[in-house]
Amino acid sequence: MLAHRGERPVRRLSSRPCAADDILRLGTLLLLPEDRDVLAEVRSLLDEGMSLEEVLTGLLAPTARHIGRLWEEDVCDFVQVTTAMARLRRLVHDLETHCLDPRPVDPASRRVLLAPAPGETHTFGLTLTAHFLGETGWDVATSFEPCLTDAIERLRAEWFDVLGLSLSCDVHVERLALAVPVLRRASRNRDLRVVVGGPAFAGRPDRIRLVGADAAVEDARQAPGILQSLLDLRIRAC
């Protein structure tokens, strides 16, 4: 029992796929003025056969996009959206606490800092990325500040192998291109790898070079493999 205490359960396939009604119901609960026990709602879906991965990528991520569309259509206001996104991030943390055994961080783990691009307000994708990276043994730090001051200070004070930046809005691409060299210069790691993600890079591989990044991630589940391949390339180059 002691030897196997830290092992993760084997990933199981989802026998209960997410439906559109699930997304609409969760979105409605998250936007209510009073704080509801959404964890109980989601745990009932897990009991029905929905896998944790399906909950994260098939339910929570689409719910975040759904709430974002409601904001764009003026169905809900900024305060409602901000509160709903905070509840979503807390839900991910609660699911990790209830569904996964705690994994001690290996001091030799490679470290990644995740942050939104300058001006970016959508950060739920970073939360999912942090989850999948943490599941594969990465030591993950996050900074959800809309400006880069906190990220710059973290890069100066701590060692990170990779910096991940998320961007959803096209209008901030130029700001990100100006910020990446600043972030690289601030890093204690002179060979810092920079990875970008978010809707602004979907189907636009040209923007990877435009902003000065090393790679892009289109799906949070792909992040561990892409980050690992970047560091493996660096080792082979040496």
Protein backbone atom coordinates (compact mmCIF):
# COMPACT_ATOMS: atom_id res chain seq x y z
CA MET A 1 0.00 0.00 0.00
CA LEU A 2 2.80 2.42 0.85
CA ALA A 3 4.67 1.59 -2.35
CA HIS A 4 1.66 2.31 -4.55
CA ARG A 5 0.17 5.22 -2.61
CA GLY A 6 1.41 7.91 -5.06
CA GLU A 7 0.37 6.13 -8.26
CA ARG A 8 -2.35 7.66 -10.42
CA PRO A 9 -5.40 5.60 -11.34
CA VAL A 10 -5.36 4.22 -14.86
CA ARG A 11 -7.08 6.62 -17.28
CA ARG A 12 -10.43 5.20 -18.28
CA LEU A 13 -12.46 5.91 -21.39
CA SER A 14 -15.58 8.00 -20.91
CA SER A 15 -18.76 5.95 -21.16
CA ARG A 16 -20.84 9.10 -20.63
CA PRO A 17 -19.96 11.79 -23.21
CA CYS A 18 -20.76 15.40 -22.51
CA ALA A 19 -23.97 16.77 -24.07
CA ALA A 20 -24.98 20.31 -25.00
CA ASP A 21 -27.51 20.31 -22.15
CA ASP A 22 -24.71 19.63 -19.67
CA ILE A 23 -22.82 22.72 -20.87
CA LEU A 24 -25.90 24.95 -20.72
CA ARG A 25 -26.81 23.72 -17.23
CA LEU A 26 -23.33 24.21 -15.83
CA GLY A 27 -23.10 27.66 -17.42
CA THR A 28 -26.39 28.65 -15.83
CA LEU A 29 -25.26 27.47 -12.40
CA LEU A 30 -21.95 29.33 -12.64
CA LEU A 31 -23.69 32.59 -13.59
CA LEU A 32 -26.16 32.53 -10.70
CA PRO A 33 -25.71 35.34 -8.12
CA GLU A 34 -25.47 32.84 -5.27
CA ASP A 35 -22.63 30.35 -5.06
CA ARG A 36 -23.97 26.86 -5.87
CA ASP A 37 -22.35 23.51 -5.16
CA VAL A 38 -21.36 22.82 -8.76
CA LEU A 39 -18.86 20.20 -7.60
CA ALA A 40 -21.76 17.96 -6.57
CA GLU A 41 -23.29 18.39 -10.03
CA VAL A 42 -20.04 17.41 -11.74
CA ARG A 43 -19.39 14.48 -9.41
CA SER A 44 -22.81 13.10 -10.38
CA LEU A 45 -21.64 13.15 -14.02
CA LEU A 46 -18.49 11.27 -13.00
CA ASP A 47 -20.69 8.70 -11.23
CA GLU A 48 -22.67 8.31 -14.47
CA GLY A 49 -19.50 7.31 -16.31
CA MET A 50 -18.04 10.58 -17.58
CA SER A 51 -14.24 10.49 -17.30
CA LEU A 52 -12.30 13.25 -15.60
CA GLU A 53 -10.64 14.17 -18.91
CA GLU A 54 -14.06 14.44 -20.59
CA VAL A 55 -15.23 16.68 -17.73
CA LEU A 56 -12.24 18.99 -18.15
CA THR A 57 -12.05 19.20 -21.94
CA GLY A 58 -15.57 18.23 -23.01
CA LEU A 59 -17.55 20.09 -20.33
CA LEU A 60 -15.58 22.79 -18.49
CA ALA A 61 -13.69 24.18 -21.51
CA PRO A 62 -16.83 24.47 -23.69
CA THR A 63 -18.69 26.01 -20.74
CA ALA A 64 -16.00 28.68 -20.48
CA ARG A 65 -16.37 29.42 -24.21
CA HIS A 66 -20.17 29.49 -23.83
CA ILE A 67 -19.98 32.05 -21.03
CA GLY A 68 -17.55 34.10 -23.13
CA ARG A 69 -20.04 34.20 -25.99
CA LEU A 70 -22.79 35.32 -23.60
CA TRP A 71 -20.54 38.21 -22.58
CA GLU A 72 -19.87 39.15 -26.20
CA GLU A 73 -23.64 39.14 -26.84
CA ASP A 74 -24.24 41.32 -23.72
CA VAL A 75 -26.33 38.61 -22.08
CA CYS A 76 -24.17 38.85 -18.95
CA ASP A 77 -21.85 41.52 -17.60
CA PHE A 78 -18.15 41.61 -16.72
CA VAL A 79 -18.71 40.90 -13.01
CA GLN A 80 -20.79 37.81 -13.79
CA VAL A 81 -18.19 36.48 -16.21
CA THR A 82 -15.31 37.14 -13.81
CA THR A 83 -17.16 35.38 -10.98
CA ALA A 84 -18.07 32.43 -13.22
CA MET A 85 -14.47 32.00 -14.38
CA ALA A 86 -13.23 32.09 -10.78
CA ARG A 87 -15.77 29.39 -9.92
CA LEU A 88 -14.57 27.31 -12.88
CA ARG A 89 -10.94 27.52 -11.76
CA ARG A 90 -11.96 26.55 -8.23
CA LEU A 91 -13.93 23.63 -9.68
CA VAL A 92 -10.82 22.31 -11.44
CA HIS A 93 -8.89 22.52 -8.17
CA ASP A 94 -11.71 20.76 -6.27
CA LEU A 95 -11.85 17.99 -8.87
CA GLU A 96 -8.11 17.45 -8.60
CA THR A 97 -8.42 17.28 -4.82
CA HIS A 98 -11.33 14.84 -4.81
CA CYS A 99 -10.46 12.66 -7.82
CA LEU A 100 -6.66 12.43 -7.80
CA ASP A 101 -4.16 11.35 -5.22
CA PRO A 102 -1.70 14.13 -4.35
CA ARG A 103 1.60 13.77 -6.19
CA PRO A 104 4.68 15.14 -4.41
CA VAL A 105 6.72 17.45 -6.61
CA ASP A 106 10.09 15.99 -7.55
CA PRO A 107 12.84 18.59 -6.92
CA ALA A 108 14.32 17.53 -10.28
CA SER A 109 11.07 18.22 -12.17
CA ARG A 110 11.22 20.60 -15.06
CA ARG A 111 9.49 23.89 -14.30
CA VAL A 112 7.02 25.86 -16.38
CA LEU A 113 5.45 29.27 -15.80
CA LEU A 114 2.03 29.84 -17.36
CA ALA A 115 0.70 33.37 -17.88
CA PRO A 116 -1.75 35.26 -20.10
CA ALA A 117 -0.43 37.49 -22.85
CA PRO A 118 -0.54 41.26 -22.20
CA GLY A 119 -4.14 42.44 -22.26
CA GLU A 120 -5.54 38.90 -22.19
CA THR A 121 -8.51 38.33 -19.88
CA HIS A 122 -9.37 34.71 -20.72
CA THR A 123 -7.28 32.45 -18.50
CA PHE A 124 -9.28 29.25 -18.08
CA GLY A 125 -7.25 27.53 -20.80
CA LEU A 126 -4.17 28.07 -18.66
CA THR A 127 -5.91 26.33 -15.78
CA LEU A 128 -6.54 23.23 -17.91
CA THR A 129 -2.99 23.30 -19.26
CA ALA A 130 -1.64 23.49 -15.71
CA HIS A 131 -3.70 20.42 -14.82
CA PHE A 132 -2.39 18.25 -17.66
CA LEU A 133 1.21 19.37 -17.12
CA GLY A 134 0.98 18.68 -13.41
CA GLU A 135 -0.43 15.21 -14.15
CA THR A 136 2.69 14.35 -16.15
CA GLY A 137 5.14 15.46 -13.46
CA TRP A 138 5.86 19.08 -14.37
CA ASP A 139 6.37 21.64 -11.61
CA VAL A 140 3.80 24.26 -12.68
CA ALA A 141 3.60 27.90 -11.59
CA THR A 142 0.85 30.23 -12.79
CA SER A 143 0.41 33.98 -12.99
CA PHE A 144 -3.04 35.24 -13.95
CA GLU A 145 -2.21 38.95 -13.84
CA PRO A 146 -3.31 40.80 -17.05
CA CYS A 147 0.00 42.68 -17.11
CA LEU A 148 3.40 40.98 -17.22
CA THR A 149 4.92 42.55 -14.11
CA ASP A 150 4.36 39.46 -11.98
CA ALA A 151 5.62 37.08 -14.69
CA ILE A 152 8.78 39.16 -15.18
CA GLU A 153 9.47 39.17 -11.45
CA ARG A 154 8.97 35.39 -11.27
CA LEU A 155 11.34 34.82 -14.19
CA ARG A 156 13.99 36.96 -12.51
CA ALA A 157 13.65 35.28 -9.15
CA GLU A 158 13.14 31.62 -10.11
CA TRP A 159 14.40 29.14 -12.68
CA PHE A 160 11.94 28.01 -15.35
CA ASP A 161 12.60 25.72 -18.30
CA VAL A 162 9.53 26.87 -20.23
CA LEU A 163 7.26 29.92 -20.33
CA GLY A 164 3.72 29.36 -21.61
CA LEU A 165 1.66 32.33 -22.83
CA SER A 166 -2.01 32.26 -23.79
CA LEU A 167 -3.77 34.63 -26.20
CA SER A 168 -7.34 34.57 -27.48
CA CYS A 169 -7.72 38.01 -29.07
CA ASP A 170 -6.04 38.90 -32.38
CA VAL A 171 -5.70 42.58 -31.47
CA HIS A 172 -3.05 41.79 -28.86
CA VAL A 173 -0.70 39.81 -31.15
CA GLU A 174 1.62 42.79 -31.64
CA ARG A 175 1.75 43.45 -27.89
CA LEU A 176 2.77 39.84 -27.33
CA ALA A 177 5.48 40.10 -29.99
CA LEU A 178 6.95 43.07 -28.10
CA ALA A 179 6.66 41.30 -24.74
CA VAL A 180 8.40 38.01 -25.57
CA PRO A 181 11.93 39.51 -25.92
CA VAL A 182 11.42 41.35 -22.62
CA LEU A 183 10.43 38.12 -20.91
CA ARG A 184 13.40 36.24 -22.36
CA ARG A 185 15.82 38.90 -21.15
CA ALA A 186 14.29 38.83 -17.67
CA SER A 187 14.67 35.04 -17.36
CA ARG A 188 17.40 33.49 -15.23
CA ASN A 189 17.43 30.71 -17.83
CA ARG A 190 19.26 32.06 -20.89
CA ASP A 191 17.84 29.15 -22.92
CA LEU A 192 14.21 29.65 -21.88
CA ARG A 193 11.70 28.00 -24.21
CA VAL A 194 8.55 30.00 -25.00
CA VAL A 195 5.32 28.24 -25.96
CA VAL A 196 2.10 30.00 -26.98
CA GLY A 197 -1.49 28.84 -27.15
CA GLY A 198 -5.07 30.00 -27.41
CA PRO A 199 -7.53 30.81 -30.20
CA ALA A 200 -5.26 33.52 -31.63
CA PHE A 201 -2.87 30.79 -32.80
CA ALA A 202 -5.42 28.22 -34.02
CA GLY A 203 -4.63 27.52 -37.66
CA ARG A 204 -2.04 30.33 -37.70
CA PRO A 205 1.41 28.72 -37.49
CA ASP A 206 2.91 31.91 -38.97
CA ARG A 207 2.17 33.72 -35.72
CA ILE A 208 4.51 31.46 -33.74
CA ARG A 209 7.53 33.04 -35.42
CA LEU A 210 5.85 36.45 -35.50
CA VAL A 211 5.69 36.64 -31.70
CA GLY A 212 9.10 35.03 -31.21
CA ALA A 213 7.87 31.75 -29.69
CA ASP A 214 9.36 28.29 -30.09
CA ALA A 215 6.11 26.32 -30.48
CA ALA A 216 2.33 26.50 -30.10
CA VAL A 217 -0.20 24.32 -28.28
CA GLU A 218 -3.71 23.99 -29.72
CA ASP A 219 -5.08 21.54 -27.13
CA ALA A 220 -4.20 21.54 -23.43
CA ARG A 221 -3.84 17.75 -23.55
CA GLN A 222 -0.99 18.14 -26.05
CA ALA A 223 1.00 20.50 -23.85
CA PRO A 224 3.10 17.89 -21.95
CA GLY A 225 4.30 16.23 -25.16
CA ILE A 226 5.09 19.49 -26.93
CA LEU A 227 6.99 20.97 -24.00
CA GLN A 228 8.93 17.77 -23.49
CA SER A 229 9.87 17.61 -27.17
CA LEU A 230 11.21 21.17 -27.03
CA LEU A 231 13.51 20.34 -24.14
CA ASP A 232 14.56 17.06 -25.77
CA LEU A 233 15.54 19.01 -28.89
CA ARG A 234 17.68 21.28 -26.73
CA ILE A 235 19.46 18.32 -25.17
CA ARG A 236 20.14 16.73 -28.57
CA ALA A 237 21.46 20.04 -29.87
CA CYS A 238 24.00 20.12 -27.01
